Amino acid sequence: MDKPLVSIVMGSDSDLLIVKEAAEILNEFAVSYETLVLSAHRSPKATEKYAKTALERGIKVIIAAAGGAAHLAGVMAAFFPLPVIGIPIKTKSLDGLDSLLSIVQMPPGVPVATVGINASKNAALLAIEILAVNDNNLRKKIELYKKQMAENVDKKNNKLNQLGVKKYYDQFKNYS
């Protein structure tokens, strides 16, 4: 792949199962990316150095996933001058609400776009939409992706109307 445009940074390797969906979406759209484990608390110097040098390496958007105190996205945003997207990771203690609030409540002047808890797919799609501002090919891919989503909903609605609620619902019983 080409030089990375997006960086996926996670606070722990245990977050890899969550950010895997972001990587899959970036691959689907042929957007180059890199993936790293950095910690705002356990490796603060390496995290700062990475964020400060990302732009010169060609990174346009950073996706940062972290749980608990979830300061990784905020630290990235403090040192990186372009968009940072935070993915709050679900935690055992508060189901990720702690992570969500830590990321979304950034102080004025240090914005972090924040997606839902464990919503790495949305983080990747948002990164692609940001890149598509200056990339017509990517914009066309996003438009097609959204058109296909709408067509899938229409197909499901038509099937629901044909079968009726009970028969449609009964299909799902077989999968549980």
N, C-alpha and C. Protein backbone atom coordinates (compact mmCIF):
# COMPACT_ATOMS: atom_id res chain seq x y z
N MET A 1 0.84 -1.19 0.00
CA MET A 1 0.00 0.00 0.00
C MET A 1 0.88 1.24 0.00
N ASP A 2 0.26 2.36 -0.34
CA ASP A 2 0.96 3.64 -0.38
C ASP A 2 1.34 4.10 1.02
N LYS A 3 1.96 5.27 1.05
CA LYS A 3 2.30 5.90 2.31
C LYS A 3 1.02 6.10 3.13
N PRO A 4 1.04 5.78 4.43
CA PRO A 4 -0.18 5.89 5.24
C PRO A 4 -0.73 7.30 5.31
N LEU A 5 -2.05 7.40 5.19
CA LEU A 5 -2.77 8.67 5.36
C LEU A 5 -3.48 8.73 6.70
N VAL A 6 -3.80 7.55 7.23
CA VAL A 6 -4.54 7.43 8.48
C VAL A 6 -3.69 6.63 9.45
N SER A 7 -3.74 7.02 10.69
CA SER A 7 -3.07 6.27 11.74
C SER A 7 -4.13 5.74 12.70
N ILE A 8 -4.07 4.46 12.98
CA ILE A 8 -4.92 3.86 14.01
C ILE A 8 -4.01 3.58 15.20
N VAL A 9 -4.28 4.29 16.29
CA VAL A 9 -3.47 4.15 17.49
C VAL A 9 -4.37 3.62 18.59
N MET A 10 -3.89 2.63 19.31
CA MET A 10 -4.69 2.08 20.41
C MET A 10 -3.87 2.06 21.68
N GLY A 11 -4.55 2.22 22.79
CA GLY A 11 -3.89 2.29 24.09
C GLY A 11 -3.37 0.96 24.58
N SER A 12 -3.89 -0.13 24.03
CA SER A 12 -3.49 -1.47 24.45
C SER A 12 -3.72 -2.43 23.29
N ASP A 13 -2.92 -3.49 23.23
CA ASP A 13 -3.12 -4.47 22.17
C ASP A 13 -4.45 -5.20 22.33
N SER A 14 -5.05 -5.15 23.51
CA SER A 14 -6.37 -5.76 23.69
C SER A 14 -7.45 -5.00 22.90
N ASP A 15 -7.15 -3.78 22.49
CA ASP A 15 -8.10 -2.98 21.68
C ASP A 15 -8.09 -3.40 20.21
N LEU A 16 -7.15 -4.25 19.84
CA LEU A 16 -7.02 -4.65 18.43
C LEU A 16 -8.29 -5.31 17.90
N LEU A 17 -8.97 -6.09 18.72
CA LEU A 17 -10.21 -6.72 18.26
C LEU A 17 -11.27 -5.69 17.88
N ILE A 18 -11.23 -4.54 18.54
CA ILE A 18 -12.19 -3.47 18.23
C ILE A 18 -11.74 -2.70 16.99
N VAL A 19 -10.48 -2.28 16.93
CA VAL A 19 -10.03 -1.45 15.81
C VAL A 19 -9.87 -2.24 14.52
N LYS A 20 -9.97 -3.54 14.59
CA LYS A 20 -9.90 -4.38 13.40
C LYS A 20 -10.97 -3.96 12.38
N GLU A 21 -12.15 -3.60 12.86
CA GLU A 21 -13.22 -3.15 11.95
C GLU A 21 -12.83 -1.88 11.21
N ALA A 22 -12.13 -0.98 11.88
CA ALA A 22 -11.66 0.25 11.22
C ALA A 22 -10.68 -0.11 10.11
N ALA A 23 -9.77 -1.02 10.41
CA ALA A 23 -8.79 -1.44 9.42
C ALA A 23 -9.47 -2.08 8.21
N GLU A 24 -10.49 -2.88 8.47
CA GLU A 24 -11.21 -3.53 7.37
C GLU A 24 -11.89 -2.51 6.46
N ILE A 25 -12.49 -1.48 7.05
CA ILE A 25 -13.14 -0.43 6.25
C ILE A 25 -12.10 0.34 5.44
N LEU A 26 -11.00 0.70 6.08
CA LEU A 26 -9.94 1.41 5.35
C LEU A 26 -9.42 0.56 4.19
N ASN A 27 -9.27 -0.73 4.41
CA ASN A 27 -8.85 -1.63 3.33
C ASN A 27 -9.89 -1.66 2.22
N GLU A 28 -11.17 -1.73 2.59
CA GLU A 28 -12.25 -1.77 1.60
C GLU A 28 -12.22 -0.54 0.69
N PHE A 29 -11.87 0.61 1.25
CA PHE A 29 -11.81 1.86 0.49
C PHE A 29 -10.42 2.14 -0.07
N ALA A 30 -9.48 1.21 0.12
CA ALA A 30 -8.10 1.35 -0.36
C ALA A 30 -7.42 2.61 0.19
N VAL A 31 -7.66 2.88 1.47
CA VAL A 31 -7.00 3.99 2.16
C VAL A 31 -5.85 3.42 2.98
N SER A 32 -4.66 3.92 2.73
CA SER A 32 -3.49 3.40 3.43
C SER A 32 -3.48 3.88 4.88
N TYR A 33 -3.00 3.00 5.76
CA TYR A 33 -3.00 3.32 7.19
C TYR A 33 -1.86 2.58 7.87
N GLU A 34 -1.59 3.00 9.09
CA GLU A 34 -0.65 2.30 9.95
C GLU A 34 -1.34 2.06 11.28
N THR A 35 -0.88 1.06 12.01
CA THR A 35 -1.49 0.71 13.29
C THR A 35 -0.40 0.62 14.35
N LEU A 36 -0.64 1.25 15.51
CA LEU A 36 0.34 1.27 16.59
C LEU A 36 -0.33 1.10 17.94
N VAL A 37 0.45 0.62 18.91
CA VAL A 37 0.05 0.62 20.30
C VAL A 37 0.87 1.68 21.00
N LEU A 38 0.19 2.68 21.55
CA LEU A 38 0.84 3.75 22.31
C LEU A 38 -0.06 4.03 23.52
N SER A 39 0.54 4.49 24.58
CA SER A 39 -0.26 4.77 25.76
C SER A 39 0.00 6.18 26.26
N ALA A 40 -1.07 6.92 26.47
CA ALA A 40 -0.94 8.27 27.01
C ALA A 40 -0.32 8.25 28.41
N HIS A 41 -0.53 7.15 29.14
CA HIS A 41 -0.06 7.07 30.52
C HIS A 41 1.21 6.23 30.68
N ARG A 42 1.32 5.13 29.97
CA ARG A 42 2.45 4.23 30.15
C ARG A 42 3.64 4.55 29.24
N SER A 43 3.39 5.20 28.11
CA SER A 43 4.48 5.61 27.22
C SER A 43 4.24 7.04 26.73
N PRO A 44 4.17 8.01 27.64
CA PRO A 44 3.82 9.38 27.25
C PRO A 44 4.83 10.04 26.31
N LYS A 45 6.10 9.76 26.48
CA LYS A 45 7.11 10.40 25.60
C LYS A 45 7.00 9.86 24.18
N ALA A 46 6.84 8.56 24.04
CA ALA A 46 6.68 7.97 22.71
C ALA A 46 5.39 8.45 22.05
N THR A 47 4.33 8.59 22.84
CA THR A 47 3.05 9.06 22.32
C THR A 47 3.18 10.50 21.83
N GLU A 48 3.81 11.34 22.61
CA GLU A 48 4.02 12.73 22.21
C GLU A 48 4.87 12.81 20.94
N LYS A 49 5.96 12.06 20.91
CA LYS A 49 6.85 12.08 19.74
C LYS A 49 6.10 11.62 18.49
N TYR A 50 5.33 10.56 18.62
CA TYR A 50 4.57 10.06 17.48
C TYR A 50 3.61 11.13 16.96
N ALA A 51 2.83 11.72 17.86
CA ALA A 51 1.83 12.72 17.45
C ALA A 51 2.50 13.94 16.81
N LYS A 52 3.63 14.36 17.34
CA LYS A 52 4.33 15.53 16.81
C LYS A 52 4.94 15.28 15.43
N THR A 53 5.24 14.04 15.10
CA THR A 53 5.90 13.73 13.83
C THR A 53 4.97 13.10 12.79
N ALA A 54 3.72 12.86 13.16
CA ALA A 54 2.78 12.19 12.24
C ALA A 54 2.53 12.99 10.97
N LEU A 55 2.36 14.28 11.11
CA LEU A 55 2.08 15.13 9.95
C LEU A 55 3.21 15.08 8.92
N GLU A 56 4.43 15.16 9.38
CA GLU A 56 5.56 15.14 8.44
C GLU A 56 5.72 13.78 7.76
N ARG A 57 5.13 12.74 8.32
CA ARG A 57 5.15 11.42 7.69
C ARG A 57 3.96 11.22 6.76
N GLY A 58 3.09 12.25 6.65
CA GLY A 58 1.98 12.18 5.70
C GLY A 58 0.64 11.80 6.30
N ILE A 59 0.56 11.62 7.60
CA ILE A 59 -0.71 11.27 8.24
C ILE A 59 -1.64 12.47 8.17
N LYS A 60 -2.88 12.22 7.75
CA LYS A 60 -3.90 13.28 7.62
C LYS A 60 -4.96 13.19 8.71
N VAL A 61 -5.19 11.99 9.24
CA VAL A 61 -6.20 11.77 10.29
C VAL A 61 -5.65 10.70 11.25
N ILE A 62 -5.83 10.94 12.53
CA ILE A 62 -5.48 9.93 13.53
C ILE A 62 -6.77 9.41 14.16
N ILE A 63 -6.88 8.10 14.22
CA ILE A 63 -7.95 7.43 14.95
C ILE A 63 -7.31 6.87 16.21
N ALA A 64 -7.82 7.26 17.36
CA ALA A 64 -7.23 6.83 18.64
C ALA A 64 -8.27 6.11 19.48
N ALA A 65 -7.99 4.86 19.82
CA ALA A 65 -8.90 4.04 20.61
C ALA A 65 -8.31 3.81 21.99
N ALA A 66 -9.14 4.04 23.01
CA ALA A 66 -8.69 3.82 24.38
C ALA A 66 -9.87 3.63 25.30
N GLY A 67 -9.64 2.92 26.38
CA GLY A 67 -10.68 2.69 27.37
C GLY A 67 -10.33 3.35 28.69
N GLY A 68 -11.28 3.32 29.60
CA GLY A 68 -11.07 3.89 30.93
C GLY A 68 -10.91 5.39 30.88
N ALA A 69 -9.79 5.87 31.39
CA ALA A 69 -9.52 7.31 31.38
C ALA A 69 -9.42 7.84 29.96
N ALA A 70 -9.00 6.99 29.03
CA ALA A 70 -9.07 7.25 27.58
C ALA A 70 -8.47 8.59 27.16
N HIS A 71 -7.29 8.88 27.62
CA HIS A 71 -6.65 10.16 27.29
C HIS A 71 -5.88 10.14 25.97
N LEU A 72 -5.77 9.00 25.34
CA LEU A 72 -4.93 8.88 24.14
C LEU A 72 -5.37 9.84 23.03
N ALA A 73 -6.65 9.89 22.73
CA ALA A 73 -7.12 10.78 21.66
C ALA A 73 -6.83 12.24 21.99
N GLY A 74 -7.02 12.63 23.24
CA GLY A 74 -6.75 14.00 23.65
C GLY A 74 -5.28 14.36 23.56
N VAL A 75 -4.42 13.44 23.93
CA VAL A 75 -2.98 13.69 23.81
C VAL A 75 -2.60 13.82 22.34
N MET A 76 -3.15 12.95 21.50
CA MET A 76 -2.89 13.05 20.06
C MET A 76 -3.33 14.42 19.55
N ALA A 77 -4.54 14.85 19.93
CA ALA A 77 -5.07 16.13 19.47
C ALA A 77 -4.25 17.31 19.98
N ALA A 78 -3.63 17.17 21.14
CA ALA A 78 -2.82 18.25 21.69
C ALA A 78 -1.57 18.50 20.85
N PHE A 79 -1.07 17.46 20.21
CA PHE A 79 0.19 17.58 19.47
C PHE A 79 0.06 17.46 17.95
N PHE A 80 -1.12 17.05 17.46
CA PHE A 80 -1.33 16.83 16.03
C PHE A 80 -2.30 17.89 15.52
N PRO A 81 -1.95 18.64 14.46
CA PRO A 81 -2.78 19.78 14.04
C PRO A 81 -3.97 19.45 13.13
N LEU A 82 -4.13 18.19 12.77
CA LEU A 82 -5.23 17.79 11.90
C LEU A 82 -6.25 16.95 12.68
N PRO A 83 -7.31 16.45 12.05
CA PRO A 83 -8.37 15.76 12.79
C PRO A 83 -7.91 14.51 13.54
N VAL A 84 -8.45 14.38 14.74
CA VAL A 84 -8.29 13.19 15.56
C VAL A 84 -9.70 12.68 15.87
N ILE A 85 -9.87 11.37 15.69
CA ILE A 85 -11.15 10.72 15.96
C ILE A 85 -10.93 9.75 17.11
N GLY A 86 -11.71 9.91 18.16
CA GLY A 86 -11.59 9.02 19.31
C GLY A 86 -12.60 7.90 19.27
N ILE A 87 -12.13 6.70 19.61
CA ILE A 87 -13.01 5.54 19.77
C ILE A 87 -12.98 5.17 21.24
N PRO A 88 -14.07 5.41 21.96
CA PRO A 88 -14.12 4.96 23.34
C PRO A 88 -14.28 3.43 23.37
N ILE A 89 -13.46 2.78 24.16
CA ILE A 89 -13.50 1.32 24.26
C ILE A 89 -14.34 0.91 25.47
N LYS A 90 -15.18 -0.08 25.25
CA LYS A 90 -16.03 -0.59 26.34
C LYS A 90 -15.14 -1.13 27.46
N THR A 91 -15.50 -0.78 28.68
CA THR A 91 -14.75 -1.23 29.86
C THR A 91 -15.65 -2.11 30.73
N LYS A 92 -15.02 -2.84 31.63
CA LYS A 92 -15.78 -3.71 32.53
C LYS A 92 -16.54 -2.91 33.59
N SER A 93 -15.91 -1.85 34.06
CA SER A 93 -16.51 -1.13 35.18
C SER A 93 -17.73 -0.30 34.80
N LEU A 94 -17.68 0.43 33.71
CA LEU A 94 -18.79 1.32 33.35
C LEU A 94 -19.27 1.12 31.91
N ASP A 95 -18.99 -0.03 31.33
CA ASP A 95 -19.42 -0.36 29.97
C ASP A 95 -18.95 0.63 28.91
N GLY A 96 -17.90 1.37 29.19
CA GLY A 96 -17.35 2.30 28.22
C GLY A 96 -17.85 3.72 28.36
N LEU A 97 -18.80 3.94 29.26
CA LEU A 97 -19.28 5.30 29.47
C LEU A 97 -18.15 6.19 29.98
N ASP A 98 -17.28 5.63 30.82
CA ASP A 98 -16.11 6.39 31.29
C ASP A 98 -15.22 6.80 30.12
N SER A 99 -14.99 5.88 29.20
CA SER A 99 -14.17 6.15 28.02
C SER A 99 -14.82 7.22 27.14
N LEU A 100 -16.11 7.06 26.91
CA LEU A 100 -16.85 8.01 26.07
C LEU A 100 -16.75 9.42 26.64
N LEU A 101 -17.03 9.56 27.92
CA LEU A 101 -17.00 10.90 28.52
C LEU A 101 -15.58 11.47 28.54
N SER A 102 -14.59 10.64 28.75
CA SER A 102 -13.21 11.12 28.74
C SER A 102 -12.82 11.69 27.38
N ILE A 103 -13.30 11.07 26.32
CA ILE A 103 -12.92 11.51 24.98
C ILE A 103 -13.78 12.70 24.52
N VAL A 104 -15.07 12.61 24.75
CA VAL A 104 -15.96 13.63 24.21
C VAL A 104 -15.86 14.97 24.96
N GLN A 105 -15.42 14.96 26.20
CA GLN A 105 -15.39 16.16 27.02
C GLN A 105 -14.04 16.88 26.97
N MET A 106 -13.48 17.02 25.80
CA MET A 106 -12.20 17.72 25.66
C MET A 106 -12.40 19.21 25.91
N PRO A 107 -11.36 19.86 26.45
CA PRO A 107 -11.49 21.30 26.73
C PRO A 107 -11.50 22.11 25.43
N PRO A 108 -12.03 23.33 25.49
CA PRO A 108 -12.03 24.20 24.30
C PRO A 108 -10.62 24.35 23.72
N GLY A 109 -10.54 24.26 22.41
CA GLY A 109 -9.26 24.41 21.73
C GLY A 109 -8.58 23.10 21.39
N VAL A 110 -9.06 22.00 21.94
CA VAL A 110 -8.47 20.68 21.66
C VAL A 110 -9.60 19.72 21.28
N PRO A 111 -10.17 19.90 20.08
CA PRO A 111 -11.30 19.06 19.69
C PRO A 111 -10.88 17.65 19.31
N VAL A 112 -11.74 16.71 19.66
CA VAL A 112 -11.60 15.32 19.23
C VAL A 112 -12.97 14.87 18.76
N ALA A 113 -13.07 14.49 17.50
CA ALA A 113 -14.32 13.90 17.01
C ALA A 113 -14.46 12.56 17.72
N THR A 114 -15.66 12.25 18.17
CA THR A 114 -15.84 11.04 18.96
C THR A 114 -16.98 10.22 18.38
N VAL A 115 -16.73 8.93 18.21
CA VAL A 115 -17.77 8.02 17.74
C VAL A 115 -18.29 7.23 18.93
N GLY A 116 -19.24 6.38 18.71
CA GLY A 116 -19.83 5.59 19.79
C GLY A 116 -18.85 4.58 20.38
N ILE A 117 -19.24 4.02 21.48
CA ILE A 117 -18.41 3.03 22.18
C ILE A 117 -18.18 1.83 21.26
N ASN A 118 -16.90 1.49 21.08
CA ASN A 118 -16.45 0.38 20.21
C ASN A 118 -16.80 0.58 18.73
N ALA A 119 -17.15 1.78 18.33
CA ALA A 119 -17.63 2.04 16.96
C ALA A 119 -16.48 2.37 16.01
N SER A 120 -15.54 1.45 15.88
CA SER A 120 -14.37 1.73 15.04
C SER A 120 -14.72 1.81 13.56
N LYS A 121 -15.76 1.11 13.15
CA LYS A 121 -16.20 1.19 11.75
C LYS A 121 -16.59 2.64 11.42
N ASN A 122 -17.35 3.28 12.32
CA ASN A 122 -17.73 4.67 12.10
C ASN A 122 -16.52 5.59 12.13
N ALA A 123 -15.54 5.29 12.96
CA ALA A 123 -14.33 6.11 13.00
C ALA A 123 -13.62 6.07 11.65
N ALA A 124 -13.53 4.88 11.06
CA ALA A 124 -12.88 4.75 9.75
C ALA A 124 -13.68 5.47 8.67
N LEU A 125 -15.01 5.32 8.71
CA LEU A 125 -15.84 6.01 7.71
C LEU A 125 -15.72 7.52 7.85
N LEU A 126 -15.66 8.03 9.08
CA LEU A 126 -15.47 9.46 9.28
C LEU A 126 -14.11 9.90 8.75
N ALA A 127 -13.07 9.12 8.99
CA ALA A 127 -11.74 9.45 8.47
C ALA A 127 -11.77 9.50 6.94
N ILE A 128 -12.47 8.56 6.33
CA ILE A 128 -12.58 8.53 4.86
C ILE A 128 -13.34 9.76 4.37
N GLU A 129 -14.41 10.12 5.05
CA GLU A 129 -15.16 11.32 4.65
C GLU A 129 -14.30 12.58 4.77
N ILE A 130 -13.47 12.64 5.79
CA ILE A 130 -12.56 13.78 5.94
C ILE A 130 -11.58 13.82 4.78
N LEU A 131 -11.00 12.68 4.44
CA LEU A 131 -10.06 12.61 3.32
C LEU A 131 -10.75 12.91 1.99
N ALA A 132 -12.04 12.55 1.88
CA ALA A 132 -12.78 12.74 0.64
C ALA A 132 -13.05 14.21 0.32
N VAL A 133 -12.86 15.09 1.28
CA VAL A 133 -13.02 16.52 1.03
C VAL A 133 -12.11 16.96 -0.12
N ASN A 134 -10.92 16.37 -0.20
CA ASN A 134 -9.96 16.72 -1.24
C ASN A 134 -9.64 15.57 -2.19
N ASP A 135 -10.49 14.56 -2.23
CA ASP A 135 -10.24 13.39 -3.07
C ASP A 135 -11.55 12.94 -3.69
N ASN A 136 -11.77 13.33 -4.95
CA ASN A 136 -13.04 13.01 -5.62
C ASN A 136 -13.27 11.51 -5.79
N ASN A 137 -12.20 10.75 -6.01
CA ASN A 137 -12.34 9.30 -6.14
C ASN A 137 -12.87 8.70 -4.84
N LEU A 138 -12.33 9.13 -3.73
CA LEU A 138 -12.78 8.66 -2.42
C LEU A 138 -14.21 9.13 -2.15
N ARG A 139 -14.53 10.35 -2.55
CA ARG A 139 -15.89 10.86 -2.38
C ARG A 139 -16.89 10.00 -3.14
N LYS A 140 -16.54 9.60 -4.35
CA LYS A 140 -17.43 8.76 -5.15
C LYS A 140 -17.61 7.39 -4.49
N LYS A 141 -16.54 6.86 -3.90
CA LYS A 141 -16.64 5.57 -3.20
C LYS A 141 -17.56 5.67 -1.99
N ILE A 142 -17.47 6.77 -1.25
CA ILE A 142 -18.34 6.97 -0.08
C ILE A 142 -19.79 7.12 -0.53
N GLU A 143 -20.01 7.84 -1.62
CA GLU A 143 -21.37 8.00 -2.14
C GLU A 143 -21.96 6.65 -2.54
N LEU A 144 -21.16 5.82 -3.21
CA LEU A 144 -21.61 4.49 -3.61
C LEU A 144 -21.90 3.63 -2.38
N TYR A 145 -21.04 3.68 -1.40
CA TYR A 145 -21.22 2.93 -0.15
C TYR A 145 -22.55 3.28 0.50
N LYS A 146 -22.85 4.57 0.58
CA LYS A 146 -24.10 5.02 1.20
C LYS A 146 -25.31 4.63 0.34
N LYS A 147 -25.16 4.67 -0.96
CA LYS A 147 -26.25 4.26 -1.86
C LYS A 147 -26.54 2.77 -1.67
N GLN A 148 -25.50 1.96 -1.55
CA GLN A 148 -25.68 0.52 -1.35
C GLN A 148 -26.33 0.23 0.00
N MET A 149 -25.98 1.00 1.04
CA MET A 149 -26.63 0.83 2.34
C MET A 149 -28.12 1.12 2.22
N ALA A 150 -28.47 2.18 1.53
CA ALA A 150 -29.88 2.54 1.36
C ALA A 150 -30.62 1.46 0.57
N GLU A 151 -29.98 0.92 -0.45
CA GLU A 151 -30.61 -0.14 -1.24
C GLU A 151 -30.84 -1.39 -0.39
N ASN A 152 -29.90 -1.70 0.50
CA ASN A 152 -30.07 -2.86 1.38
C ASN A 152 -31.25 -2.66 2.34
N VAL A 153 -31.42 -1.45 2.84
CA VAL A 153 -32.55 -1.16 3.71
C VAL A 153 -33.85 -1.31 2.93
N ASP A 154 -33.88 -0.80 1.71
CA ASP A 154 -35.08 -0.93 0.87
C ASP A 154 -35.44 -2.40 0.63
N LYS A 155 -34.42 -3.23 0.38
CA LYS A 155 -34.66 -4.67 0.16
C LYS A 155 -35.27 -5.31 1.40
N LYS A 156 -34.74 -4.96 2.56
CA LYS A 156 -35.26 -5.53 3.81
C LYS A 156 -36.68 -5.05 4.06
N ASN A 157 -36.95 -3.80 3.77
CA ASN A 157 -38.30 -3.27 3.95
C ASN A 157 -39.29 -3.97 3.02
N ASN A 158 -38.89 -4.16 1.78
CA ASN A 158 -39.76 -4.84 0.82
C ASN A 158 -40.03 -6.28 1.26
N LYS A 159 -39.00 -6.95 1.75
CA LYS A 159 -39.16 -8.33 2.21
C LYS A 159 -40.09 -8.38 3.42
N LEU A 160 -39.93 -7.44 4.34
CA LEU A 160 -40.80 -7.35 5.52
C LEU A 160 -42.24 -7.16 5.09
N ASN A 161 -42.47 -6.29 4.13
CA ASN A 161 -43.84 -6.02 3.65
C ASN A 161 -44.42 -7.23 2.93
N GLN A 162 -43.57 -8.00 2.24
CA GLN A 162 -44.05 -9.19 1.53
C GLN A 162 -44.39 -10.31 2.50
N LEU A 163 -43.51 -10.56 3.47
CA LEU A 163 -43.69 -11.69 4.38
C LEU A 163 -44.62 -11.38 5.55
N GLY A 164 -44.64 -10.14 5.96
CA GLY A 164 -45.35 -9.79 7.19
C GLY A 164 -44.40 -9.92 8.37
N VAL A 165 -44.76 -9.27 9.44
CA VAL A 165 -43.86 -9.19 10.60
C VAL A 165 -43.56 -10.57 11.18
N LYS A 166 -44.58 -11.41 11.38
CA LYS A 166 -44.35 -12.70 12.03
C LYS A 166 -43.40 -13.58 11.23
N LYS A 167 -43.65 -13.74 9.93
CA LYS A 167 -42.78 -14.59 9.10
C LYS A 167 -41.37 -14.00 9.01
N TYR A 168 -41.30 -12.71 8.89
CA TYR A 168 -39.98 -12.05 8.82
C TYR A 168 -39.22 -12.30 10.12
N TYR A 169 -39.89 -12.11 11.24
CA TYR A 169 -39.27 -12.31 12.55
C TYR A 169 -38.87 -13.77 12.75
N ASP A 170 -39.68 -14.70 12.29
CA ASP A 170 -39.40 -16.13 12.46
C ASP A 170 -38.08 -16.54 11.81
N GLN A 171 -37.67 -15.84 10.77
CA GLN A 171 -36.37 -16.13 10.13
C GLN A 171 -35.22 -16.03 11.14
N PHE A 172 -35.33 -15.05 12.04
CA PHE A 172 -34.25 -14.77 12.98
C PHE A 172 -34.20 -15.80 14.11
N LYS A 173 -35.30 -16.43 14.40
CA LYS A 173 -35.34 -17.46 15.44
C LYS A 173 -34.42 -18.62 15.09
N ASN A 174 -34.33 -18.92 13.81
CA ASN A 174 -33.50 -20.04 13.36
C ASN A 174 -32.01 -19.80 13.55
N TYR A 175 -31.61 -18.54 13.72
CA TYR A 175 -30.20 -18.21 13.85
C TYR A 175 -29.74 -18.14 15.30
N SER A 176 -30.67 -18.16 16.24
CA SER A 176 -30.26 -18.02 17.64
C SER A 176 -29.96 -19.33 18.31
